[in-house]
Structures are given as structure tokens and as C-alpha cells.
Amino acid sequence: MEKITATAIFESLSSGVRLDVYRLLVKKGPEGMVAGEIGAALDVPPTNLSFHLKTLTHTGLLTVEQEGRFQRFRANLPLMMELIAYLTEECCSGNPRQCGDFSTQLICPECRDSSSETK
């Protein structure tokens, strides 16, 4: 991951609403949620939510799939893991194994398997 990409991701998460949306979708895993469900769960009006979903999708943190009239959003878990790897690659003086393998500890096997299917 390049520094400019990591910076863009962090900027997109600097909004409390966007952070809430992303965390909600991470919790939902591969199932994701349609926009209306996200808005209802977080009590965010549709026009406001649309702006935030567009920002998160633009940075790649969310993927979107059209389902008839609805759009289903999912957290891009591989990108999240890539960001964590970028942040921790110099852990323990460049020996991240001393700190533990974050990629295997942070994401459930089901999420890992299904996230590769959505690429």
C-alpha cells in the first residue's frame, strides 16, 4: 500500500458517520447491508447517508452491488487487512512475527473466504 492510499482511507474515516457505517458493515461481514438498512440502523437521513457511502466507496473501503432497486454495500475486508499490514509492517523493528500475525488474528475465516469471492 502506498502512503497516499493510506492517507485517503484515513481521511475518509475521519467522519464519525462514515466510521460508524464502516464499523457496522465490518460487523455484518460478507452479507453487507442495503443503504436503507444502514440508514435505519444508524438513524442517518438518506441524502446524508448517500454522501457518506459515496465517499467510502470512492476510497475503496466499501464495495457496492446493485440488487434490483437497491444497492448492497459491503466492507472491503481485504483492503482493511492491507491497511493494517501497512501500519504494522515495521512493527518490532521490521520483525512483525514478534508482534504476531495480525492478518490471521483479525479476520474470521468465513470473511476471508467470501471477501476473495467478491473481488
Protein backbone atom coordinates (compact mmCIF):
# COMPACT_ATOMS: atom_id res chain seq x y z
CA MET A 1 0.00 0.00 0.00
CA GLU A 2 1.22 3.47 -0.78
CA LYS A 3 1.21 6.28 1.74
CA ILE A 4 -1.19 8.36 -0.36
CA THR A 5 -3.71 5.49 -0.37
CA ALA A 6 -3.47 5.04 3.40
CA THR A 7 -3.91 8.78 3.89
CA ALA A 8 -7.03 8.83 1.69
CA ILE A 9 -8.51 5.93 3.66
CA PHE A 10 -7.88 7.64 6.98
CA GLU A 11 -9.35 10.89 5.68
CA SER A 12 -12.50 9.06 4.60
CA LEU A 13 -12.85 7.56 8.08
CA SER A 14 -12.36 10.92 9.81
CA SER A 15 -16.12 11.50 9.84
CA GLY A 16 -18.00 9.96 12.75
CA VAL A 17 -20.84 8.89 10.46
CA ARG A 18 -18.51 7.21 7.98
CA LEU A 19 -16.66 5.45 10.78
CA ASP A 20 -19.99 4.19 12.15
CA VAL A 21 -21.05 2.99 8.69
CA TYR A 22 -17.77 1.16 8.13
CA ARG A 23 -17.79 -0.49 11.54
CA LEU A 24 -21.40 -1.58 11.04
CA LEU A 25 -20.56 -3.15 7.69
CA VAL A 26 -17.48 -4.86 9.10
CA LYS A 27 -19.75 -6.36 11.75
CA LYS A 28 -22.16 -7.59 9.05
CA GLY A 29 -19.33 -9.30 7.16
CA PRO A 30 -19.94 -10.73 3.69
CA GLU A 31 -23.72 -10.27 4.00
CA GLY A 32 -23.40 -6.47 3.91
CA MET A 33 -26.46 -4.24 4.04
CA VAL A 34 -28.59 -2.23 1.67
CA ALA A 35 -28.46 1.53 2.04
CA GLY A 36 -31.88 1.80 3.67
CA GLU A 37 -30.90 -0.72 6.36
CA ILE A 38 -27.71 1.21 7.08
CA GLY A 39 -29.61 4.49 7.37
CA ALA A 40 -32.22 2.95 9.66
CA ALA A 41 -29.62 1.27 11.87
CA LEU A 42 -27.62 4.48 12.29
CA ASP A 43 -30.52 6.96 12.11
CA VAL A 44 -28.95 8.84 9.19
CA PRO A 45 -31.20 10.53 6.58
CA PRO A 46 -30.92 9.07 3.04
CA THR A 47 -29.41 12.18 1.42
CA ASN A 48 -26.77 12.47 4.14
CA LEU A 49 -26.04 8.73 4.02
CA SER A 50 -25.65 8.80 0.24
CA PHE A 51 -22.84 11.35 0.55
CA HIS A 52 -21.00 9.23 3.13
CA LEU A 53 -21.46 5.96 1.23
CA LYS A 54 -20.10 7.59 -1.93
CA THR A 55 -17.00 8.76 -0.06
CA LEU A 56 -16.33 5.33 1.44
CA THR A 57 -16.91 3.63 -1.92
CA HIS A 58 -14.61 6.09 -3.69
CA THR A 59 -11.72 5.22 -1.37
CA GLY A 60 -12.38 1.51 -1.85
CA LEU A 61 -13.39 0.83 1.76
CA LEU A 62 -16.82 -0.28 0.58
CA THR A 63 -17.93 -2.32 -2.38
CA VAL A 64 -21.40 -1.88 -3.81
CA GLU A 65 -23.56 -4.27 -5.77
CA GLN A 66 -26.84 -3.42 -7.45
CA GLU A 67 -29.75 -5.63 -6.35
CA GLY A 68 -32.79 -4.54 -8.32
CA ARG A 69 -33.72 -1.09 -6.97
CA PHE A 70 -31.34 -1.41 -4.04
CA GLN A 71 -27.61 -1.17 -3.57
CA ARG A 72 -25.91 -3.60 -1.20
CA PHE A 73 -22.79 -2.29 0.49
CA ARG A 74 -20.04 -4.43 1.98
CA ALA A 75 -16.87 -3.56 3.83
CA ASN A 76 -13.81 -4.26 1.70
CA LEU A 77 -12.15 -6.54 4.25
CA PRO A 78 -9.05 -7.29 2.15
CA LEU A 79 -8.35 -3.54 1.94
CA MET A 80 -8.77 -3.24 5.70
CA MET A 81 -6.24 -6.05 6.15
CA GLU A 82 -3.88 -4.38 3.70
CA LEU A 83 -4.11 -1.14 5.69
CA ILE A 84 -3.40 -2.97 8.93
CA ALA A 85 -0.44 -4.70 7.30
CA TYR A 86 0.85 -1.32 6.09
CA LEU A 87 0.56 0.12 9.59
CA THR A 88 2.29 -2.81 11.22
CA GLU A 89 4.95 -3.78 8.66
CA GLU A 90 7.70 -2.12 10.69
CA CYS A 91 6.39 -3.48 13.98
CA CYS A 92 9.11 -4.77 16.29
CA SER A 93 11.92 -3.23 14.23
CA GLY A 94 10.76 -4.80 11.00
CA ASN A 95 10.04 -8.23 12.51
CA PRO A 96 6.24 -8.28 12.72
CA ARG A 97 6.28 -12.00 13.57
CA GLN A 98 7.49 -11.00 17.04
CA CYS A 99 4.31 -8.97 17.46
CA GLY A 100 2.04 -11.64 16.00
CA ASP A 101 0.50 -12.16 12.60
CA PHE A 102 -2.26 -9.56 12.52
CA SER A 103 -3.75 -10.86 9.28
CA THR A 104 -4.69 -14.20 10.80
CA GLN A 105 -5.83 -12.77 14.12
CA LEU A 106 -8.13 -10.00 12.97
CA ILE A 107 -10.45 -11.53 10.44
CA CYS A 108 -12.65 -14.59 10.62
CA PRO A 109 -12.00 -17.39 8.10
CA GLU A 110 -15.53 -17.03 6.65
CA CYS A 111 -14.93 -13.34 5.97
CA ARG A 112 -11.54 -14.04 4.41
CA ASP A 113 -13.01 -16.71 2.12
CA SER A 114 -16.04 -14.71 0.98
CA SER A 115 -14.15 -11.44 0.57
CA SER A 116 -11.93 -13.05 -2.07
CA GLU A 117 -15.09 -14.12 -3.92
CA THR A 118 -16.35 -10.52 -4.17
CA LYS A 119 -13.22 -9.20 -5.88
